[in-house]
Amino acid sequence: MLGKYLQSEDAELLSAVYGAYAGRLVQDVPRAHLEGTRTILAELAPTNPGAQTADPTRFLDNSLTELLDCEGLETKLYGR
């Protein structure tokens, strides 16, 4: 996919680009974040009036990831 959008078939270049961005943009364990939820609600507000006054914490549930954190799953999987 990177090759298509970067219009390149250079494997070394594509690998370097992937390595530079994947580590910063992709989380090993996905977590919901309050600021991200606020951003989504702000985007929805023009077409959904309820989004403007909605409490973002109502949409967040990190209980499963917190449980997995307590069990050390990320450390077991990724060694960190």
PDB file of N, CA and C in Angstrom:
ATOM      1  N   MET A   1       0.831  -1.175   0.000  1.00  0.00           N
ATOM      2  CA  MET A   1       0.000   0.000   0.000  1.00  0.00           C
ATOM      3  C   MET A   1       0.885   1.250   0.000  1.00  0.00           C
ATOM      4  N   LEU A   2       1.929   1.225   0.811  1.00  0.00           N
ATOM      5  CA  LEU A   2       2.832   2.379   0.827  1.00  0.00           C
ATOM      6  C   LEU A   2       3.420   2.621  -0.558  1.00  0.00           C
ATOM      7  N   GLY A   3       3.808   1.543  -1.221  1.00  0.00           N
ATOM      8  CA  GLY A   3       4.382   1.667  -2.545  1.00  0.00           C
ATOM      9  C   GLY A   3       3.430   2.328  -3.523  1.00  0.00           C
ATOM     10  N   LYS A   4       2.165   1.982  -3.399  1.00  0.00           N
ATOM     11  CA  LYS A   4       1.163   2.567  -4.285  1.00  0.00           C
ATOM     12  C   LYS A   4       1.070   4.080  -4.080  1.00  0.00           C
ATOM     13  N   TYR A   5       0.951   4.496  -2.822  1.00  0.00           N
ATOM     14  CA  TYR A   5       0.743   5.913  -2.552  1.00  0.00           C
ATOM     15  C   TYR A   5       2.022   6.741  -2.622  1.00  0.00           C
ATOM     16  N   LEU A   6       3.162   6.101  -2.391  1.00  0.00           N
ATOM     17  CA  LEU A   6       4.435   6.809  -2.541  1.00  0.00           C
ATOM     18  C   LEU A   6       4.976   6.671  -3.959  1.00  0.00           C
ATOM     19  N   GLN A   7       4.270   5.908  -4.758  1.00  0.00           N
ATOM     20  CA  GLN A   7       4.657   5.655  -6.148  1.00  0.00           C
ATOM     21  C   GLN A   7       6.105   5.189  -6.229  1.00  0.00           C
ATOM     22  N   SER A   8       6.392   4.141  -5.451  1.00  0.00           N
ATOM     23  CA  SER A   8       7.742   3.599  -5.415  1.00  0.00           C
ATOM     24  C   SER A   8       7.684   2.091  -5.229  1.00  0.00           C
ATOM     25  N   GLU A   9       8.660   1.410  -5.822  1.00  0.00           N
ATOM     26  CA  GLU A   9       8.813  -0.033  -5.605  1.00  0.00           C
ATOM     27  C   GLU A   9      10.112  -0.328  -4.859  1.00  0.00           C
ATOM     28  N   ASP A  10      10.768   0.702  -4.378  1.00  0.00           N
ATOM     29  CA  ASP A  10      12.036   0.567  -3.662  1.00  0.00           C
ATOM     30  C   ASP A  10      11.776  -0.052  -2.291  1.00  0.00           C
ATOM     31  N   ALA A  11      12.080  -1.346  -2.141  1.00  0.00           N
ATOM     32  CA  ALA A  11      11.782  -2.085  -0.911  1.00  0.00           C
ATOM     33  C   ALA A  11      12.480  -1.478   0.300  1.00  0.00           C
ATOM     34  N   GLU A  12      13.704  -1.026   0.113  1.00  0.00           N
ATOM     35  CA  GLU A  12      14.451  -0.444   1.233  1.00  0.00           C
ATOM     36  C   GLU A  12      13.799   0.856   1.707  1.00  0.00           C
ATOM     37  N   LEU A  13      13.406   1.694   0.765  1.00  0.00           N
ATOM     38  CA  LEU A  13      12.727   2.945   1.102  1.00  0.00           C
ATOM     39  C   LEU A  13      11.403   2.677   1.796  1.00  0.00           C
ATOM     40  N   LEU A  14      10.622   1.769   1.244  1.00  0.00           N
ATOM     41  CA  LEU A  14       9.306   1.472   1.827  1.00  0.00           C
ATOM     42  C   LEU A  14       9.437   0.894   3.226  1.00  0.00           C
ATOM     43  N   SER A  15      10.446   0.054   3.430  1.00  0.00           N
ATOM     44  CA  SER A  15      10.685  -0.516   4.758  1.00  0.00           C
ATOM     45  C   SER A  15      11.066   0.582   5.757  1.00  0.00           C
ATOM     46  N   ALA A  16      11.894   1.528   5.321  1.00  0.00           N
ATOM     47  CA  ALA A  16      12.303   2.622   6.197  1.00  0.00           C
ATOM     48  C   ALA A  16      11.115   3.511   6.551  1.00  0.00           C
ATOM     49  N   VAL A  17      10.279   3.809   5.572  1.00  0.00           N
ATOM     50  CA  VAL A  17       9.095   4.639   5.826  1.00  0.00           C
ATOM     51  C   VAL A  17       8.159   3.929   6.798  1.00  0.00           C
ATOM     52  N   TYR A  18       7.920   2.657   6.556  1.00  0.00           N
ATOM     53  CA  TYR A  18       7.049   1.887   7.447  1.00  0.00           C
ATOM     54  C   TYR A  18       7.616   1.892   8.865  1.00  0.00           C
ATOM     55  N   GLY A  19       8.898   1.626   8.999  1.00  0.00           N
ATOM     56  CA  GLY A  19       9.527   1.593  10.317  1.00  0.00           C
ATOM     57  C   GLY A  19       9.451   2.926  11.040  1.00  0.00           C
ATOM     58  N   ALA A  20       9.569   4.015  10.292  1.00  0.00           N
ATOM     59  CA  ALA A  20       9.535   5.345  10.899  1.00  0.00           C
ATOM     60  C   ALA A  20       8.158   5.687  11.453  1.00  0.00           C
ATOM     61  N   TYR A  21       7.117   5.256  10.772  1.00  0.00           N
ATOM     62  CA  TYR A  21       5.773   5.649  11.176  1.00  0.00           C
ATOM     63  C   TYR A  21       5.038   4.600  12.007  1.00  0.00           C
ATOM     64  N   ALA A  22       5.246   3.335  11.755  1.00  0.00           N
ATOM     65  CA  ALA A  22       4.479   2.291  12.435  1.00  0.00           C
ATOM     66  C   ALA A  22       4.673   2.327  13.944  1.00  0.00           C
ATOM     67  N   GLY A  23       5.888   2.549  14.376  1.00  0.00           N
ATOM     68  CA  GLY A  23       6.158   2.576  15.812  1.00  0.00           C
ATOM     69  C   GLY A  23       5.493   3.728  16.541  1.00  0.00           C
ATOM     70  N   ARG A  24       5.245   4.817  15.828  1.00  0.00           N
ATOM     71  CA  ARG A  24       4.631   5.977  16.459  1.00  0.00           C
ATOM     72  C   ARG A  24       3.116   6.006  16.319  1.00  0.00           C
ATOM     73  N   LEU A  25       2.597   5.395  15.268  1.00  0.00           N
ATOM     74  CA  LEU A  25       1.172   5.514  14.988  1.00  0.00           C
ATOM     75  C   LEU A  25       0.345   4.297  15.404  1.00  0.00           C
ATOM     76  N   VAL A  26       0.973   3.149  15.513  1.00  0.00           N
ATOM     77  CA  VAL A  26       0.240   1.924  15.814  1.00  0.00           C
ATOM     78  C   VAL A  26       0.595   1.462  17.222  1.00  0.00           C
ATOM     79  N   GLN A  27      -0.410   1.316  18.039  1.00  0.00           N
ATOM     80  CA  GLN A  27      -0.198   0.859  19.417  1.00  0.00           C
ATOM     81  C   GLN A  27      -0.258  -0.658  19.462  1.00  0.00           C
ATOM     82  N   ASP A  28       0.606  -1.259  20.282  1.00  0.00           N
ATOM     83  CA  ASP A  28       0.521  -2.705  20.481  1.00  0.00           C
ATOM     84  C   ASP A  28      -0.799  -3.069  21.141  1.00  0.00           C
ATOM     85  N   VAL A  29      -1.172  -2.301  22.139  1.00  0.00           N
ATOM     86  CA  VAL A  29      -2.436  -2.511  22.849  1.00  0.00           C
ATOM     87  C   VAL A  29      -3.278  -1.252  22.658  1.00  0.00           C
ATOM     88  N   PRO A  30      -4.364  -1.357  21.916  1.00  0.00           N
ATOM     89  CA  PRO A  30      -5.174  -0.163  21.674  1.00  0.00           C
ATOM     90  C   PRO A  30      -5.866   0.315  22.948  1.00  0.00           C
ATOM     91  N   ARG A  31      -5.819   1.591  23.154  1.00  0.00           N
ATOM     92  CA  ARG A  31      -6.466   2.198  24.316  1.00  0.00           C
ATOM     93  C   ARG A  31      -7.303   3.382  23.856  1.00  0.00           C
ATOM     94  N   ALA A  32      -8.421   3.568  24.499  1.00  0.00           N
ATOM     95  CA  ALA A  32      -9.269   4.725  24.204  1.00  0.00           C
ATOM     96  C   ALA A  32      -8.746   5.914  25.006  1.00  0.00           C
ATOM     97  N   HIS A  33      -8.717   7.075  24.366  1.00  0.00           N
ATOM     98  CA  HIS A  33      -8.200   8.270  25.018  1.00  0.00           C
ATOM     99  C   HIS A  33      -9.267   9.357  25.057  1.00  0.00           C
ATOM    100  N   LEU A  34      -9.322  10.065  26.153  1.00  0.00           N
ATOM    101  CA  LEU A  34     -10.312  11.114  26.357  1.00  0.00           C
ATOM    102  C   LEU A  34     -10.211  12.195  25.283  1.00  0.00           C
ATOM    103  N   GLU A  35      -8.992  12.644  24.986  1.00  0.00           N
ATOM    104  CA  GLU A  35      -8.825  13.711  23.998  1.00  0.00           C
ATOM    105  C   GLU A  35      -9.288  13.263  22.612  1.00  0.00           C
ATOM    106  N   GLY A  36      -9.020  12.024  22.251  1.00  0.00           N
ATOM    107  CA  GLY A  36      -9.485  11.507  20.968  1.00  0.00           C
ATOM    108  C   GLY A  36     -11.003  11.450  20.899  1.00  0.00           C
ATOM    109  N   THR A  37     -11.627  11.087  21.999  1.00  0.00           N
ATOM    110  CA  THR A  37     -13.089  11.041  22.052  1.00  0.00           C
ATOM    111  C   THR A  37     -13.673  12.444  21.927  1.00  0.00           C
ATOM    112  N   ARG A  38     -13.032  13.409  22.559  1.00  0.00           N
ATOM    113  CA  ARG A  38     -13.475  14.806  22.427  1.00  0.00           C
ATOM    114  C   ARG A  38     -13.389  15.263  20.963  1.00  0.00           C
ATOM    115  N   THR A  39     -12.315  14.890  20.293  1.00  0.00           N
ATOM    116  CA  THR A  39     -12.134  15.260  18.891  1.00  0.00           C
ATOM    117  C   THR A  39     -13.239  14.671  18.026  1.00  0.00           C
ATOM    118  N   ILE A  40     -13.561  13.417  18.253  1.00  0.00           N
ATOM    119  CA  ILE A  40     -14.623  12.755  17.481  1.00  0.00           C
ATOM    120  C   ILE A  40     -15.964  13.437  17.728  1.00  0.00           C
ATOM    121  N   LEU A  41     -16.258  13.741  18.979  1.00  0.00           N
ATOM    122  CA  LEU A  41     -17.517  14.422  19.292  1.00  0.00           C
ATOM    123  C   LEU A  41     -17.578  15.799  18.633  1.00  0.00           C
ATOM    124  N   ALA A  42     -16.475  16.510  18.604  1.00  0.00           N
ATOM    125  CA  ALA A  42     -16.445  17.821  17.952  1.00  0.00           C
ATOM    126  C   ALA A  42     -16.701  17.696  16.452  1.00  0.00           C
ATOM    127  N   GLU A  43     -16.187  16.632  15.845  1.00  0.00           N
ATOM    128  CA  GLU A  43     -16.422  16.396  14.415  1.00  0.00           C
ATOM    129  C   GLU A  43     -17.882  16.061  14.149  1.00  0.00           C
ATOM    130  N   LEU A  44     -18.516  15.372  15.074  1.00  0.00           N
ATOM    131  CA  LEU A  44     -19.916  14.978  14.910  1.00  0.00           C
ATOM    132  C   LEU A  44     -20.900  16.102  15.206  1.00  0.00           C
ATOM    133  N   ALA A  45     -20.476  17.074  15.990  1.00  0.00           N
ATOM    134  CA  ALA A  45     -21.376  18.132  16.475  1.00  0.00           C
ATOM    135  C   ALA A  45     -22.155  18.866  15.384  1.00  0.00           C
ATOM    136  N   PRO A  46     -21.558  19.196  14.242  1.00  0.00           N
ATOM    137  CA  PRO A  46     -22.340  19.926  13.230  1.00  0.00           C
ATOM    138  C   PRO A  46     -23.549  19.145  12.698  1.00  0.00           C
ATOM    139  N   THR A  47     -23.470  17.829  12.694  1.00  0.00           N
ATOM    140  CA  THR A  47     -24.587  17.031  12.173  1.00  0.00           C
ATOM    141  C   THR A  47     -25.372  16.319  13.270  1.00  0.00           C
ATOM    142  N   ASN A  48     -24.833  16.330  14.481  1.00  0.00           N
ATOM    143  CA  ASN A  48     -25.498  15.665  15.599  1.00  0.00           C
ATOM    144  C   ASN A  48     -25.417  16.585  16.813  1.00  0.00           C
ATOM    145  N   PRO A  49     -26.462  17.381  17.059  1.00  0.00           N
ATOM    146  CA  PRO A  49     -26.425  18.362  18.146  1.00  0.00           C
ATOM    147  C   PRO A  49     -26.115  17.756  19.519  1.00  0.00           C
ATOM    148  N   GLY A  50     -26.488  16.517  19.740  1.00  0.00           N
ATOM    149  CA  GLY A  50     -26.214  15.891  21.027  1.00  0.00           C
ATOM    150  C   GLY A  50     -24.737  15.678  21.281  1.00  0.00           C
ATOM    151  N   ALA A  51     -23.944  15.607  20.222  1.00  0.00           N
ATOM    152  CA  ALA A  51     -22.508  15.391  20.379  1.00  0.00           C
ATOM    153  C   ALA A  51     -21.824  16.581  21.034  1.00  0.00           C
ATOM    154  N   GLN A  52     -22.370  17.769  20.823  1.00  0.00           N
ATOM    155  CA  GLN A  52     -21.754  18.980  21.368  1.00  0.00           C
ATOM    156  C   GLN A  52     -21.795  19.000  22.896  1.00  0.00           C
ATOM    157  N   THR A  53     -22.839  18.463  23.480  1.00  0.00           N
ATOM    158  CA  THR A  53     -22.974  18.492  24.938  1.00  0.00           C
ATOM    159  C   THR A  53     -22.713  17.129  25.586  1.00  0.00           C
ATOM    160  N   ALA A  54     -22.358  16.155  24.775  1.00  0.00           N
ATOM    161  CA  ALA A  54     -22.136  14.806  25.305  1.00  0.00           C
ATOM    162  C   ALA A  54     -20.895  14.758  26.188  1.00  0.00           C
ATOM    163  N   ASP A  55     -20.969  13.961  27.228  1.00  0.00           N
ATOM    164  CA  ASP A  55     -19.837  13.749  28.128  1.00  0.00           C
ATOM    165  C   ASP A  55     -18.946  12.666  27.516  1.00  0.00           C
ATOM    166  N   PRO A  56     -17.720  13.003  27.114  1.00  0.00           N
ATOM    167  CA  PRO A  56     -16.864  12.023  26.447  1.00  0.00           C
ATOM    168  C   PRO A  56     -16.552  10.798  27.304  1.00  0.00           C
ATOM    169  N   THR A  57     -16.575  10.953  28.618  1.00  0.00           N
ATOM    170  CA  THR A  57     -16.269   9.809  29.486  1.00  0.00           C
ATOM    171  C   THR A  57     -17.334   8.721  29.390  1.00  0.00           C
ATOM    172  N   ARG A  58     -18.540   9.075  28.923  1.00  0.00           N
ATOM    173  CA  ARG A  58     -19.600   8.072  28.750  1.00  0.00           C
ATOM    174  C   ARG A  58     -19.254   7.056  27.672  1.00  0.00           C
ATOM    175  N   PHE A  59     -18.351   7.419  26.766  1.00  0.00           N
ATOM    176  CA  PHE A  59     -18.029   6.577  25.633  1.00  0.00           C
ATOM    177  C   PHE A  59     -16.744   5.779  25.825  1.00  0.00           C
ATOM    178  N   LEU A  60     -16.088   5.975  26.937  1.00  0.00           N
ATOM    179  CA  LEU A  60     -14.814   5.311  27.191  1.00  0.00           C
ATOM    180  C   LEU A  60     -14.965   4.172  28.182  1.00  0.00           C
ATOM    181  N   ASP A  61     -14.374   3.045  27.840  1.00  0.00           N
ATOM    182  CA  ASP A  61     -14.327   1.913  28.760  1.00  0.00           C
ATOM    183  C   ASP A  61     -12.995   1.209  28.560  1.00  0.00           C
ATOM    184  N   ASN A  62     -12.065   1.540  29.400  1.00  0.00           N
ATOM    185  CA  ASN A  62     -10.746   0.921  29.331  1.00  0.00           C
ATOM    186  C   ASN A  62     -10.601  -0.220  30.327  1.00  0.00           C
ATOM    187  N   SER A  63     -11.710  -0.711  30.844  1.00  0.00           N
ATOM    188  CA  SER A  63     -11.625  -1.733  31.883  1.00  0.00           C
ATOM    189  C   SER A  63     -10.938  -3.007  31.386  1.00  0.00           C
ATOM    190  N   LEU A  64     -11.178  -3.397  30.153  1.00  0.00           N
ATOM    191  CA  LEU A  64     -10.546  -4.618  29.644  1.00  0.00           C
ATOM    192  C   LEU A  64      -9.041  -4.433  29.495  1.00  0.00           C
ATOM    193  N   THR A  65      -8.615  -3.303  28.914  1.00  0.00           N
ATOM    194  CA  THR A  65      -7.178  -3.086  28.767  1.00  0.00           C
ATOM    195  C   THR A  65      -6.504  -2.908  30.129  1.00  0.00           C
ATOM    196  N   GLU A  66      -7.196  -2.309  31.089  1.00  0.00           N
ATOM    197  CA  GLU A  66      -6.635  -2.177  32.436  1.00  0.00           C
ATOM    198  C   GLU A  66      -6.456  -3.551  33.079  1.00  0.00           C
ATOM    199  N   LEU A  67      -7.421  -4.428  32.881  1.00  0.00           N
ATOM    200  CA  LEU A  67      -7.325  -5.790  33.405  1.00  0.00           C
ATOM    201  C   LEU A  67      -6.137  -6.514  32.770  1.00  0.00           C
ATOM    202  N   LEU A  68      -5.999  -6.381  31.451  1.00  0.00           N
ATOM    203  CA  LEU A  68      -4.879  -7.017  30.762  1.00  0.00           C
ATOM    204  C   LEU A  68      -3.552  -6.424  31.202  1.00  0.00           C
ATOM    205  N   ASP A  69      -3.533  -5.121  31.488  1.00  0.00           N
ATOM    206  CA  ASP A  69      -2.319  -4.491  32.008  1.00  0.00           C
ATOM    207  C   ASP A  69      -1.939  -5.095  33.353  1.00  0.00           C
ATOM    208  N   CYS A  70      -2.932  -5.279  34.222  1.00  0.00           N
ATOM    209  CA  CYS A  70      -2.682  -5.859  35.546  1.00  0.00           C
ATOM    210  C   CYS A  70      -2.138  -7.281  35.437  1.00  0.00           C
ATOM    211  N   GLU A  71      -2.573  -7.989  34.420  1.00  0.00           N
ATOM    212  CA  GLU A  71      -2.106  -9.364  34.221  1.00  0.00           C
ATOM    213  C   GLU A  71      -0.763  -9.418  33.496  1.00  0.00           C
ATOM    214  N   GLY A  72      -0.278  -8.259  33.043  1.00  0.00           N
ATOM    215  CA  GLY A  72       1.020  -8.201  32.385  1.00  0.00           C
ATOM    216  C   GLY A  72       1.035  -8.732  30.965  1.00  0.00           C
ATOM    217  N   LEU A  73      -0.093  -8.682  30.278  1.00  0.00           N
ATOM    218  CA  LEU A  73      -0.156  -9.240  28.927  1.00  0.00           C
ATOM    219  C   LEU A  73       0.808  -8.555  27.964  1.00  0.00           C
ATOM    220  N   GLU A  74       0.857  -7.232  28.011  1.00  0.00           N
ATOM    221  CA  GLU A  74       1.741  -6.511  27.087  1.00  0.00           C
ATOM    222  C   GLU A  74       3.192  -6.918  27.298  1.00  0.00           C
ATOM    223  N   THR A  75       3.593  -7.066  28.546  1.00  0.00           N
ATOM    224  CA  THR A  75       4.961  -7.491  28.850  1.00  0.00           C
ATOM    225  C   THR A  75       5.206  -8.903  28.337  1.00  0.00           C
ATOM    226  N   LYS A  76       4.230  -9.780  28.527  1.00  0.00           N
ATOM    227  CA  LYS A  76       4.382 -11.160  28.053  1.00  0.00           C
ATOM    228  C   LYS A  76       4.477 -11.222  26.531  1.00  0.00           C
ATOM    229  N   LEU A  77       3.708 -10.389  25.836  1.00  0.00           N
ATOM    230  CA  LEU A  77       3.697 -10.416  24.386  1.00  0.00           C
ATOM    231  C   LEU A  77       4.882  -9.692  23.768  1.00  0.00           C
ATOM    232  N   TYR A  78       5.224  -8.527  24.313  1.00  0.00           N
ATOM    233  CA  TYR A  78       6.198  -7.672  23.663  1.00  0.00           C
ATOM    234  C   TYR A  78       7.482  -7.466  24.465  1.00  0.00           C
ATOM    235  N   GLY A  79       7.542  -8.019  25.662  1.00  0.00           N
ATOM    236  CA  GLY A  79       8.752  -7.900  26.468  1.00  0.00           C
ATOM    237  C   GLY A  79       9.035  -6.516  27.006  1.00  0.00           C
ATOM    238  N   ARG A  80       7.995  -5.710  27.134  1.00  0.00           N
ATOM    239  CA  ARG A  80       8.182  -4.362  27.703  1.00  0.00           C
ATOM    240  C   ARG A  80       7.116  -4.066  28.713  1.00  0.00           C
TER     241      ARG A  80
END
